[in-house]
Each structure stands twice: as structure tokens, then as C-alpha cells.
Amino acid sequence: MSSARTPARRKGTKAGWNLLGLLVFATAGFPVYWMLNTAFKPAKDAIDPDPSLLPTGLTFDNFRRALDIADFWGPVGRSLVVSLSVVLIGIVVGMLAALAISRFAFRGRKVVIVGILAVQMIPLVAMIIPVFLLLNDLKQYDKLTGLVITYLTFILPFTVWTLRGFIVNIPKELEEAAMVDGCSRTGAFMRVVFPLLAPGMVATSVYAFIQAWNEYLYALMLLSQQHQTATVWLSNFSTKHGTEYAPMMAGATMMAVPIVVLFLLVQRKMAAGLTAGAVKG
């Protein structure tokens, strides 16, 4: 009897986990669905007090309205410049710092690690005034370079900590074997460690890009309307007369396209654990 109950119990457990997974997916995916549903429905239906969960119509007027209400490509271009700059600088500096922390023993190493963790615990809101005063003194207020520097202050710690975890999981024996075969330390890193670190770099880059692309508070406080980014551009739909929800959702949909395209391009590289089994015995 017990052996007969075991398969049924396993099926019930599996069905329960599948149901839980579907519930999580529905909870996480509903806001995205509602954004798309509102973006393509007529504007009058978007403010209906009794909204329909299913699409009531299909129109592209909201996208035309979103493009007409203010300059769209300017803020999007500035957001791309800032986000890509943060990713490139952050991944290079973060990789070098993570390599130093994980592979070399130096005085103050533990202090650096604790400092990286402590910086991530500071709320971003608490640093607005100091950052504003510092950038103003450096003549970087209302400049994209100042915004890039600001974003690096809270993206770099996460980048360093994440890449350190990937480097630590790469066995040192691989580098030592390459050096025995005649490679220098730099050559061993570029030929052995760097290819195995690629998935971690891709995953970290995607996170950094999303953080910089979606950031709103600092972009609002540190840039004028002339230099606004895409997230601040969305606030143009909120006026003293109310909020135009349908065009706003259309604008949010267009803003989500670069993130979706980036994820589709690198999704195969985001798998971790490629070093499993690299050293046997």
C-alpha cells in the first residue's frame, strides 16, 4: 500500500509545485499584460471605472499621441548613452576589482569587502543632497557624465560582488595549469578564466543596464527637462488636468522594447554553472 501511495503522492506534490509556479507567473506577468492591454485600447476605455480584463479594441492612436506629446527619441537616446556607458565602465572596473579581491591577498582586503556590502545598504534617497552638492562642485550638474558617475556609485558595488562570486567558483587549478604550460598570469586569465566568466559578465551587464535604464529619481533631480531621460519623459503624461493613462502605457511599452531585445539577445549566455566538472578527481 505504501509503495502504491508513493507515486500518487509524488504526482500531487508535482501538481502543487506546478500550480504555485503558474500563480507566481500570473502575479508577475499581469502588470505587463495590463500595460500592453491599456496601450492598445482606446483612451476612453483606459479611464473606464469598470475596466475589462480582455482587450476591448485595438488602436495605435496612443503610440502616436506618445510620440507627439514630447520628444521621444531624444530622451531614449540619452538613456541609451547613459545605460551603455554605465555597463561598459562598470563591467571593466568591476571585473578588475573582483579579480583583485578574489585572487590576491592584500592588506585591507576584508575591509574592502565589508565596504562593498555596506554601500549597498545605504538607501539611494539618502544620498541625493550629497550627490547634488558634489556634482555641482565638479561642474557635472545637468550633464550626462554626472549622471553616469552617480549611477556607477550604486551599480559598481553590486557588479564587483557578483563577479567576485563567479570568479571564486572558477578553480585556481585551471589558471595554474595554463601557467605551467607557458601562459603568463594575464594570458591564463584571458584564455581560461575570461571565457568561463562570460556568463557572469553577461548577467551582471543585463542587471546594470536595467538599473540604469529604469532609474528615475536621480535622473529627475540631476537633469533639466532639456536633458531628461526616458523615465523622466514618461512624467509628461501627468499634468494638472490629470493623467493620460493610455498614452503613458504606450510610452512605457516602447521603453520596454530595448530591455526585451537585450534579454532575447543574451538569454543563452545568462546560464551559470558552466565551470561544473572542469576539474575532476
C-alpha atoms as a PDB file:
ATOM      1  CA  MET A   1       0.000   0.000   0.000  1.00  0.00           C
ATOM      2  CA  SER A   2       2.807   2.405   0.864  1.00  0.00           C
ATOM      3  CA  SER A   3       4.569   1.743  -2.451  1.00  0.00           C
ATOM      4  CA  ALA A   4       1.313   2.378  -4.310  1.00  0.00           C
ATOM      5  CA  ARG A   5       0.754   5.653  -2.494  1.00  0.00           C
ATOM      6  CA  THR A   6       4.250   6.979  -3.235  1.00  0.00           C
ATOM      7  CA  PRO A   7       3.725   7.670  -6.996  1.00  0.00           C
ATOM      8  CA  ALA A   8       0.368   9.332  -6.276  1.00  0.00           C
ATOM      9  CA  ARG A   9       1.951  11.458  -3.565  1.00  0.00           C
ATOM     10  CA  ARG A  10       4.742  12.485  -5.944  1.00  0.00           C
ATOM     11  CA  LYS A  11       2.215  13.434  -8.615  1.00  0.00           C
ATOM     12  CA  GLY A  12       0.282  15.506  -6.090  1.00  0.00           C
ATOM     13  CA  THR A  13       3.456  17.269  -4.968  1.00  0.00           C
ATOM     14  CA  LYS A  14       4.452  17.957  -8.570  1.00  0.00           C
ATOM     15  CA  ALA A  15       0.990  19.300  -9.370  1.00  0.00           C
ATOM     16  CA  GLY A  16       1.165  21.554  -6.317  1.00  0.00           C
ATOM     17  CA  TRP A  17       4.515  22.992  -7.373  1.00  0.00           C
ATOM     18  CA  ASN A  18       3.229  23.496 -10.922  1.00  0.00           C
ATOM     19  CA  LEU A  19       0.199  25.337  -9.576  1.00  0.00           C
ATOM     20  CA  LEU A  20       2.412  27.517  -7.407  1.00  0.00           C
ATOM     21  CA  GLY A  21       4.634  28.273 -10.410  1.00  0.00           C
ATOM     22  CA  LEU A  22       1.620  29.271 -12.502  1.00  0.00           C
ATOM     23  CA  LEU A  23       0.407  31.520  -9.675  1.00  0.00           C
ATOM     24  CA  VAL A  24       3.788  33.261  -9.440  1.00  0.00           C
ATOM     25  CA  PHE A  25       3.907  33.654 -13.229  1.00  0.00           C
ATOM     26  CA  ALA A  26       0.403  35.134 -13.324  1.00  0.00           C
ATOM     27  CA  THR A  27       1.204  37.539 -10.483  1.00  0.00           C
ATOM     28  CA  ALA A  28       4.422  38.722 -12.108  1.00  0.00           C
ATOM     29  CA  GLY A  29       3.056  38.816 -15.642  1.00  0.00           C
ATOM     30  CA  PHE A  30      -0.263  40.561 -15.005  1.00  0.00           C
ATOM     31  CA  PRO A  31       1.226  44.101 -14.750  1.00  0.00           C
ATOM     32  CA  VAL A  32       2.947  43.582 -18.107  1.00  0.00           C
ATOM     33  CA  TYR A  33      -0.270  42.293 -19.648  1.00  0.00           C
ATOM     34  CA  TRP A  34      -2.234  45.243 -18.249  1.00  0.00           C
ATOM     35  CA  MET A  35       0.335  47.673 -19.624  1.00  0.00           C
ATOM     36  CA  LEU A  36       0.002  46.183 -23.112  1.00  0.00           C
ATOM     37  CA  ASN A  37      -3.773  45.969 -22.820  1.00  0.00           C
ATOM     38  CA  THR A  38      -4.028  49.643 -21.857  1.00  0.00           C
ATOM     39  CA  ALA A  39      -1.521  50.731 -24.511  1.00  0.00           C
ATOM     40  CA  PHE A  40      -3.593  49.284 -27.355  1.00  0.00           C
ATOM     41  CA  LYS A  41      -7.107  50.106 -26.109  1.00  0.00           C
ATOM     42  CA  PRO A  42      -8.947  53.377 -26.865  1.00  0.00           C
ATOM     43  CA  ALA A  43      -8.091  56.195 -24.472  1.00  0.00           C
ATOM     44  CA  LYS A  44     -11.669  56.462 -23.170  1.00  0.00           C
ATOM     45  CA  ASP A  45     -11.631  52.777 -22.186  1.00  0.00           C
ATOM     46  CA  ALA A  46      -8.413  53.264 -20.192  1.00  0.00           C
ATOM     47  CA  ILE A  47     -10.223  55.509 -17.702  1.00  0.00           C
ATOM     48  CA  ASP A  48     -13.375  53.394 -17.541  1.00  0.00           C
ATOM     49  CA  PRO A  49     -14.288  52.887 -13.843  1.00  0.00           C
ATOM     50  CA  ASP A  50     -15.322  49.331 -14.717  1.00  0.00           C
ATOM     51  CA  PRO A  51     -12.385  48.149 -16.858  1.00  0.00           C
ATOM     52  CA  SER A  52     -12.437  44.925 -18.825  1.00  0.00           C
ATOM     53  CA  LEU A  53      -9.685  42.372 -18.331  1.00  0.00           C
ATOM     54  CA  LEU A  54      -9.876  41.455 -22.019  1.00  0.00           C
ATOM     55  CA  PRO A  55      -8.952  43.847 -24.848  1.00  0.00           C
ATOM     56  CA  THR A  56     -11.939  45.964 -25.907  1.00  0.00           C
ATOM     57  CA  GLY A  57     -10.372  47.269 -29.095  1.00  0.00           C
ATOM     58  CA  LEU A  58      -7.131  47.706 -30.977  1.00  0.00           C
ATOM     59  CA  THR A  59      -5.753  51.128 -31.788  1.00  0.00           C
ATOM     60  CA  PHE A  60      -2.348  52.717 -32.367  1.00  0.00           C
ATOM     61  CA  ASP A  61      -3.513  56.234 -31.541  1.00  0.00           C
ATOM     62  CA  ASN A  62      -1.926  56.014 -28.096  1.00  0.00           C
ATOM     63  CA  PHE A  63       1.500  55.431 -29.623  1.00  0.00           C
ATOM     64  CA  ARG A  64       1.055  58.391 -31.972  1.00  0.00           C
ATOM     65  CA  ARG A  65      -0.031  60.503 -29.008  1.00  0.00           C
ATOM     66  CA  ALA A  66       3.000  59.344 -27.020  1.00  0.00           C
ATOM     67  CA  LEU A  67       5.335  60.361 -29.817  1.00  0.00           C
ATOM     68  CA  ASP A  68       3.616  63.717 -30.314  1.00  0.00           C
ATOM     69  CA  ILE A  69       3.348  64.847 -26.690  1.00  0.00           C
ATOM     70  CA  ALA A  70       7.095  65.448 -26.420  1.00  0.00           C
ATOM     71  CA  ASP A  71      10.388  64.496 -27.987  1.00  0.00           C
ATOM     72  CA  PHE A  72      10.663  60.706 -27.645  1.00  0.00           C
ATOM     73  CA  TRP A  73      13.880  59.773 -29.428  1.00  0.00           C
ATOM     74  CA  GLY A  74      15.948  62.393 -27.609  1.00  0.00           C
ATOM     75  CA  PRO A  75      15.277  61.003 -24.103  1.00  0.00           C
ATOM     76  CA  VAL A  76      15.575  57.418 -25.374  1.00  0.00           C
ATOM     77  CA  GLY A  77      18.918  58.211 -26.985  1.00  0.00           C
ATOM     78  CA  ARG A  78      20.200  59.836 -23.809  1.00  0.00           C
ATOM     79  CA  SER A  79      19.034  56.858 -21.746  1.00  0.00           C
ATOM     80  CA  LEU A  80      20.875  54.503 -24.101  1.00  0.00           C
ATOM     81  CA  VAL A  81      24.068  56.556 -23.865  1.00  0.00           C
ATOM     82  CA  VAL A  82      23.922  56.643 -20.064  1.00  0.00           C
ATOM     83  CA  SER A  83      22.988  52.968 -19.664  1.00  0.00           C
ATOM     84  CA  LEU A  84      25.607  51.667 -22.104  1.00  0.00           C
ATOM     85  CA  SER A  85      28.291  53.879 -20.556  1.00  0.00           C
ATOM     86  CA  VAL A  86      27.433  52.577 -17.091  1.00  0.00           C
ATOM     87  CA  VAL A  87      27.545  48.980 -18.331  1.00  0.00           C
ATOM     88  CA  LEU A  88      30.884  49.319 -20.144  1.00  0.00           C
ATOM     89  CA  ILE A  89      32.654  51.217 -17.364  1.00  0.00           C
ATOM     90  CA  GLY A  90      31.062  49.173 -14.599  1.00  0.00           C
ATOM     91  CA  ILE A  91      31.856  45.792 -16.116  1.00  0.00           C
ATOM     92  CA  VAL A  92      35.523  46.660 -16.802  1.00  0.00           C
ATOM     93  CA  VAL A  93      36.204  48.267 -13.425  1.00  0.00           C
ATOM     94  CA  GLY A  94      34.071  45.711 -11.608  1.00  0.00           C
ATOM     95  CA  MET A  95      35.853  42.766 -13.241  1.00  0.00           C
ATOM     96  CA  LEU A  96      39.298  44.105 -12.324  1.00  0.00           C
ATOM     97  CA  ALA A  97      38.210  44.832  -8.750  1.00  0.00           C
ATOM     98  CA  ALA A  98      36.543  41.430  -8.385  1.00  0.00           C
ATOM     99  CA  LEU A  99      39.639  39.720  -9.737  1.00  0.00           C
ATOM    100  CA  ALA A 100      41.860  41.543  -7.253  1.00  0.00           C
ATOM    101  CA  ILE A 101      39.598  40.717  -4.312  1.00  0.00           C
ATOM    102  CA  SER A 102      39.146  37.052  -5.192  1.00  0.00           C
ATOM    103  CA  ARG A 103      42.628  36.121  -6.419  1.00  0.00           C
ATOM    104  CA  PHE A 104      45.066  38.327  -4.472  1.00  0.00           C
ATOM    105  CA  ALA A 105      45.725  38.672  -0.745  1.00  0.00           C
ATOM    106  CA  PHE A 106      46.452  42.238   0.305  1.00  0.00           C
ATOM    107  CA  ARG A 107      46.154  44.328   3.444  1.00  0.00           C
ATOM    108  CA  GLY A 108      42.651  45.690   3.941  1.00  0.00           C
ATOM    109  CA  ARG A 109      41.004  43.079   1.726  1.00  0.00           C
ATOM    110  CA  LYS A 110      38.289  42.281   4.254  1.00  0.00           C
ATOM    111  CA  VAL A 111      37.665  45.982   4.811  1.00  0.00           C
ATOM    112  CA  VAL A 112      37.074  46.420   1.082  1.00  0.00           C
ATOM    113  CA  ILE A 113      34.616  43.516   1.018  1.00  0.00           C
ATOM    114  CA  VAL A 114      32.709  44.848   4.030  1.00  0.00           C
ATOM    115  CA  GLY A 115      32.708  48.316   2.474  1.00  0.00           C
ATOM    116  CA  ILE A 116      31.176  46.960  -0.743  1.00  0.00           C
ATOM    117  CA  LEU A 117      28.383  45.330   1.246  1.00  0.00           C
ATOM    118  CA  ALA A 118      27.856  48.424   3.411  1.00  0.00           C
ATOM    119  CA  VAL A 119      27.477  50.722   0.401  1.00  0.00           C
ATOM    120  CA  GLN A 120      24.625  48.586  -0.937  1.00  0.00           C
ATOM    121  CA  MET A 121      22.754  49.003   2.345  1.00  0.00           C
ATOM    122  CA  ILE A 122      22.566  52.800   2.076  1.00  0.00           C
ATOM    123  CA  PRO A 123      19.189  53.982   0.677  1.00  0.00           C
ATOM    124  CA  LEU A 124      19.593  55.884  -2.582  1.00  0.00           C
ATOM    125  CA  VAL A 125      17.239  58.612  -1.341  1.00  0.00           C
ATOM    126  CA  ALA A 126      19.630  59.433   1.489  1.00  0.00           C
ATOM    127  CA  MET A 127      22.405  60.339  -0.955  1.00  0.00           C
ATOM    128  CA  ILE A 128      20.504  62.790  -3.160  1.00  0.00           C
ATOM    129  CA  ILE A 129      21.664  66.002  -1.424  1.00  0.00           C
ATOM    130  CA  PRO A 130      25.350  64.952  -1.061  1.00  0.00           C
ATOM    131  CA  VAL A 131      25.433  63.788  -4.683  1.00  0.00           C
ATOM    132  CA  PHE A 132      23.833  67.037  -5.858  1.00  0.00           C
ATOM    133  CA  LEU A 133      26.348  69.160  -3.941  1.00  0.00           C
ATOM    134  CA  LEU A 134      29.294  67.072  -5.137  1.00  0.00           C
ATOM    135  CA  LEU A 135      28.274  67.173  -8.798  1.00  0.00           C
ATOM    136  CA  ASN A 136      27.611  70.902  -8.528  1.00  0.00           C
ATOM    137  CA  ASP A 137      31.144  71.451  -7.211  1.00  0.00           C
ATOM    138  CA  LEU A 138      32.576  69.300 -10.005  1.00  0.00           C
ATOM    139  CA  LYS A 139      30.579  71.213 -12.660  1.00  0.00           C
ATOM    140  CA  GLN A 140      28.774  67.988 -13.585  1.00  0.00           C
ATOM    141  CA  TYR A 141      25.238  69.002 -12.652  1.00  0.00           C
ATOM    142  CA  ASP A 142      22.768  68.715 -15.537  1.00  0.00           C
ATOM    143  CA  LYS A 143      25.253  66.659 -17.553  1.00  0.00           C
ATOM    144  CA  LEU A 144      25.028  63.048 -18.697  1.00  0.00           C
ATOM    145  CA  THR A 145      28.560  62.405 -17.452  1.00  0.00           C
ATOM    146  CA  GLY A 146      27.467  63.388 -13.953  1.00  0.00           C
ATOM    147  CA  LEU A 147      24.536  61.002 -14.164  1.00  0.00           C
ATOM    148  CA  VAL A 148      26.847  58.204 -15.316  1.00  0.00           C
ATOM    149  CA  ILE A 149      29.158  58.819 -12.343  1.00  0.00           C
ATOM    150  CA  THR A 150      26.169  58.798 -10.000  1.00  0.00           C
ATOM    151  CA  TYR A 151      24.820  55.521 -11.357  1.00  0.00           C
ATOM    152  CA  LEU A 152      28.236  53.895 -11.045  1.00  0.00           C
ATOM    153  CA  THR A 153      28.260  54.611  -7.300  1.00  0.00           C
ATOM    154  CA  PHE A 154      25.449  52.143  -6.656  1.00  0.00           C
ATOM    155  CA  ILE A 155      25.891  49.766  -9.614  1.00  0.00           C
ATOM    156  CA  LEU A 156      29.636  49.141  -9.177  1.00  0.00           C
ATOM    157  CA  PRO A 157      29.344  47.542  -5.690  1.00  0.00           C
ATOM    158  CA  PHE A 158      26.825  45.014  -6.961  1.00  0.00           C
ATOM    159  CA  THR A 159      28.936  44.369 -10.059  1.00  0.00           C
ATOM    160  CA  VAL A 160      32.068  43.742  -8.008  1.00  0.00           C
ATOM    161  CA  TRP A 161      30.288  41.475  -5.550  1.00  0.00           C
ATOM    162  CA  THR A 162      28.534  39.442  -8.256  1.00  0.00           C
ATOM    163  CA  LEU A 163      31.621  38.967 -10.419  1.00  0.00           C
ATOM    164  CA  ARG A 164      33.633  38.033  -7.342  1.00  0.00           C
ATOM    165  CA  GLY A 165      31.201  35.166  -6.759  1.00  0.00           C
ATOM    166  CA  PHE A 166      31.703  33.907 -10.308  1.00  0.00           C
ATOM    167  CA  ILE A 167      35.496  34.186 -10.154  1.00  0.00           C
ATOM    168  CA  VAL A 168      35.683  32.381  -6.809  1.00  0.00           C
ATOM    169  CA  ASN A 169      33.774  29.456  -8.324  1.00  0.00           C
ATOM    170  CA  ILE A 170      36.365  29.104 -11.103  1.00  0.00           C
ATOM    171  CA  PRO A 171      39.064  26.701  -9.801  1.00  0.00           C
ATOM    172  CA  LYS A 172      42.533  28.176  -9.442  1.00  0.00           C
ATOM    173  CA  GLU A 173      43.929  24.918 -10.803  1.00  0.00           C
ATOM    174  CA  LEU A 174      42.829  25.960 -14.282  1.00  0.00           C
ATOM    175  CA  GLU A 175      44.974  29.085 -14.167  1.00  0.00           C
ATOM    176  CA  GLU A 176      47.891  27.202 -12.631  1.00  0.00           C
ATOM    177  CA  ALA A 177      47.729  24.551 -15.345  1.00  0.00           C
ATOM    178  CA  ALA A 178      47.749  27.231 -18.044  1.00  0.00           C
ATOM    179  CA  MET A 179      50.739  28.949 -16.408  1.00  0.00           C
ATOM    180  CA  VAL A 180      52.588  25.637 -16.236  1.00  0.00           C
ATOM    181  CA  ASP A 181      52.013  25.286 -19.986  1.00  0.00           C
ATOM    182  CA  GLY A 182      53.732  28.629 -20.566  1.00  0.00           C
ATOM    183  CA  CYS A 183      50.998  31.254 -20.194  1.00  0.00           C
ATOM    184  CA  SER A 184      51.583  34.369 -18.192  1.00  0.00           C
ATOM    185  CA  ARG A 185      49.105  35.296 -15.466  1.00  0.00           C
ATOM    186  CA  THR A 186      47.397  37.709 -17.854  1.00  0.00           C
ATOM    187  CA  GLY A 187      47.372  35.117 -20.632  1.00  0.00           C
ATOM    188  CA  ALA A 188      45.927  32.487 -18.288  1.00  0.00           C
ATOM    189  CA  PHE A 189      43.171  34.858 -17.286  1.00  0.00           C
ATOM    190  CA  MET A 190      42.290  35.841 -20.860  1.00  0.00           C
ATOM    191  CA  ARG A 191      42.396  32.286 -22.245  1.00  0.00           C
ATOM    192  CA  VAL A 192      40.972  30.310 -19.319  1.00  0.00           C
ATOM    193  CA  VAL A 193      39.161  32.459 -16.757  1.00  0.00           C
ATOM    194  CA  PHE A 194      37.649  35.067 -19.062  1.00  0.00           C
ATOM    195  CA  PRO A 195      35.684  32.590 -21.252  1.00  0.00           C
ATOM    196  CA  LEU A 196      34.300  30.864 -18.150  1.00  0.00           C
ATOM    197  CA  LEU A 197      33.454  34.244 -16.629  1.00  0.00           C
ATOM    198  CA  ALA A 198      31.491  35.366 -19.704  1.00  0.00           C
ATOM    199  CA  PRO A 199      28.055  34.163 -18.466  1.00  0.00           C
ATOM    200  CA  GLY A 200      28.522  36.036 -15.192  1.00  0.00           C
ATOM    201  CA  MET A 201      29.588  39.179 -17.028  1.00  0.00           C
ATOM    202  CA  VAL A 202      26.565  38.995 -19.295  1.00  0.00           C
ATOM    203  CA  ALA A 203      24.147  38.510 -16.390  1.00  0.00           C
ATOM    204  CA  THR A 204      25.751  41.360 -14.452  1.00  0.00           C
ATOM    205  CA  SER A 205      25.695  43.628 -17.514  1.00  0.00           C
ATOM    206  CA  VAL A 206      21.991  42.994 -18.043  1.00  0.00           C
ATOM    207  CA  TYR A 207      21.272  43.875 -14.420  1.00  0.00           C
ATOM    208  CA  ALA A 208      23.363  47.058 -14.651  1.00  0.00           C
ATOM    209  CA  PHE A 209      21.637  48.076 -17.888  1.00  0.00           C
ATOM    210  CA  ILE A 210      18.171  47.536 -16.408  1.00  0.00           C
ATOM    211  CA  GLN A 211      19.059  49.504 -13.277  1.00  0.00           C
ATOM    212  CA  ALA A 212      20.434  52.445 -15.245  1.00  0.00           C
ATOM    213  CA  TRP A 213      17.619  52.351 -17.809  1.00  0.00           C
ATOM    214  CA  ASN A 214      14.798  52.298 -15.250  1.00  0.00           C
ATOM    215  CA  GLU A 215      16.263  54.760 -12.717  1.00  0.00           C
ATOM    216  CA  TYR A 216      14.014  57.768 -12.223  1.00  0.00           C
ATOM    217  CA  LEU A 217      14.795  59.690  -9.035  1.00  0.00           C
ATOM    218  CA  TYR A 218      18.364  60.802  -9.783  1.00  0.00           C
ATOM    219  CA  ALA A 219      17.557  61.476 -13.436  1.00  0.00           C
ATOM    220  CA  LEU A 220      14.740  63.766 -12.285  1.00  0.00           C
ATOM    221  CA  MET A 221      16.816  65.613  -9.702  1.00  0.00           C
ATOM    222  CA  LEU A 222      20.118  65.949 -11.566  1.00  0.00           C
ATOM    223  CA  LEU A 223      18.971  66.753 -15.116  1.00  0.00           C
ATOM    224  CA  SER A 224      16.901  69.586 -16.538  1.00  0.00           C
ATOM    225  CA  GLN A 225      13.984  68.994 -18.869  1.00  0.00           C
ATOM    226  CA  GLN A 226      16.257  69.696 -21.818  1.00  0.00           C
ATOM    227  CA  HIS A 227      18.443  66.714 -20.894  1.00  0.00           C
ATOM    228  CA  GLN A 228      15.767  64.412 -19.450  1.00  0.00           C
ATOM    229  CA  THR A 229      15.980  60.646 -19.864  1.00  0.00           C
ATOM    230  CA  ALA A 230      13.264  58.227 -20.963  1.00  0.00           C
ATOM    231  CA  THR A 231      11.908  57.536 -17.479  1.00  0.00           C
ATOM    232  CA  VAL A 232      11.504  61.241 -16.764  1.00  0.00           C
ATOM    233  CA  TRP A 233       9.936  61.676 -20.195  1.00  0.00           C
ATOM    234  CA  LEU A 234       7.036  59.484 -19.033  1.00  0.00           C
ATOM    235  CA  SER A 235       6.087  62.108 -16.460  1.00  0.00           C
ATOM    236  CA  ASN A 236       4.944  64.367 -19.310  1.00  0.00           C
ATOM    237  CA  PHE A 237       1.681  62.433 -19.350  1.00  0.00           C
ATOM    238  CA  SER A 238       0.824  63.592 -15.822  1.00  0.00           C
ATOM    239  CA  THR A 239      -0.440  67.181 -15.805  1.00  0.00           C
ATOM    240  CA  LYS A 240      -2.591  69.341 -13.580  1.00  0.00           C
ATOM    241  CA  HIS A 241      -5.581  68.222 -15.630  1.00  0.00           C
ATOM    242  CA  GLY A 242      -4.975  64.553 -14.914  1.00  0.00           C
ATOM    243  CA  THR A 243      -3.001  61.619 -16.275  1.00  0.00           C
ATOM    244  CA  GLU A 244      -3.290  60.259 -19.801  1.00  0.00           C
ATOM    245  CA  TYR A 245      -3.016  56.590 -18.904  1.00  0.00           C
ATOM    246  CA  ALA A 246      -3.322  55.067 -22.370  1.00  0.00           C
ATOM    247  CA  PRO A 247      -0.527  57.143 -23.974  1.00  0.00           C
ATOM    248  CA  MET A 248       1.570  56.660 -20.836  1.00  0.00           C
ATOM    249  CA  MET A 249       1.257  52.893 -21.141  1.00  0.00           C
ATOM    250  CA  ALA A 250       2.104  53.168 -24.836  1.00  0.00           C
ATOM    251  CA  GLY A 251       5.239  55.101 -23.905  1.00  0.00           C
ATOM    252  CA  ALA A 252       6.115  52.535 -21.236  1.00  0.00           C
ATOM    253  CA  THR A 253       5.677  49.770 -23.809  1.00  0.00           C
ATOM    254  CA  MET A 254       8.087  51.477 -26.193  1.00  0.00           C
ATOM    255  CA  MET A 255      10.542  51.954 -23.336  1.00  0.00           C
ATOM    256  CA  ALA A 256      10.392  48.241 -22.522  1.00  0.00           C
ATOM    257  CA  VAL A 257      11.378  47.224 -26.053  1.00  0.00           C
ATOM    258  CA  PRO A 258      15.176  47.749 -25.603  1.00  0.00           C
ATOM    259  CA  ILE A 259      15.149  45.665 -22.413  1.00  0.00           C
ATOM    260  CA  VAL A 260      13.241  42.843 -24.104  1.00  0.00           C
ATOM    261  CA  VAL A 261      15.516  42.905 -27.151  1.00  0.00           C
ATOM    262  CA  LEU A 262      18.630  42.866 -24.940  1.00  0.00           C
ATOM    263  CA  PHE A 263      17.332  39.925 -22.948  1.00  0.00           C
ATOM    264  CA  LEU A 264      16.467  37.959 -26.097  1.00  0.00           C
ATOM    265  CA  LEU A 265      19.966  38.527 -27.450  1.00  0.00           C
ATOM    266  CA  VAL A 266      21.817  37.353 -24.336  1.00  0.00           C
ATOM    267  CA  GLN A 267      19.440  34.857 -22.758  1.00  0.00           C
ATOM    268  CA  ARG A 268      21.606  31.892 -23.739  1.00  0.00           C
ATOM    269  CA  LYS A 269      24.630  33.444 -22.045  1.00  0.00           C
ATOM    270  CA  MET A 270      22.873  34.056 -18.746  1.00  0.00           C
ATOM    271  CA  ALA A 271      23.097  30.466 -17.564  1.00  0.00           C
ATOM    272  CA  ALA A 272      25.580  29.955 -14.752  1.00  0.00           C
ATOM    273  CA  GLY A 273      27.491  26.879 -13.699  1.00  0.00           C
ATOM    274  CA  LEU A 274      29.461  26.358 -16.915  1.00  0.00           C
ATOM    275  CA  THR A 275      32.550  25.520 -14.868  1.00  0.00           C
ATOM    276  CA  ALA A 276      30.919  22.482 -13.246  1.00  0.00           C
ATOM    277  CA  GLY A 277      33.071  19.465 -13.867  1.00  0.00           C
ATOM    278  CA  ALA A 278      36.017  21.487 -15.207  1.00  0.00           C
ATOM    279  CA  VAL A 279      38.300  19.837 -12.671  1.00  0.00           C
ATOM    280  CA  LYS A 280      37.814  16.144 -12.000  1.00  0.00           C
ATOM    281  CA  GLY A 281      39.231  13.888  -9.386  1.00  0.00           C
END
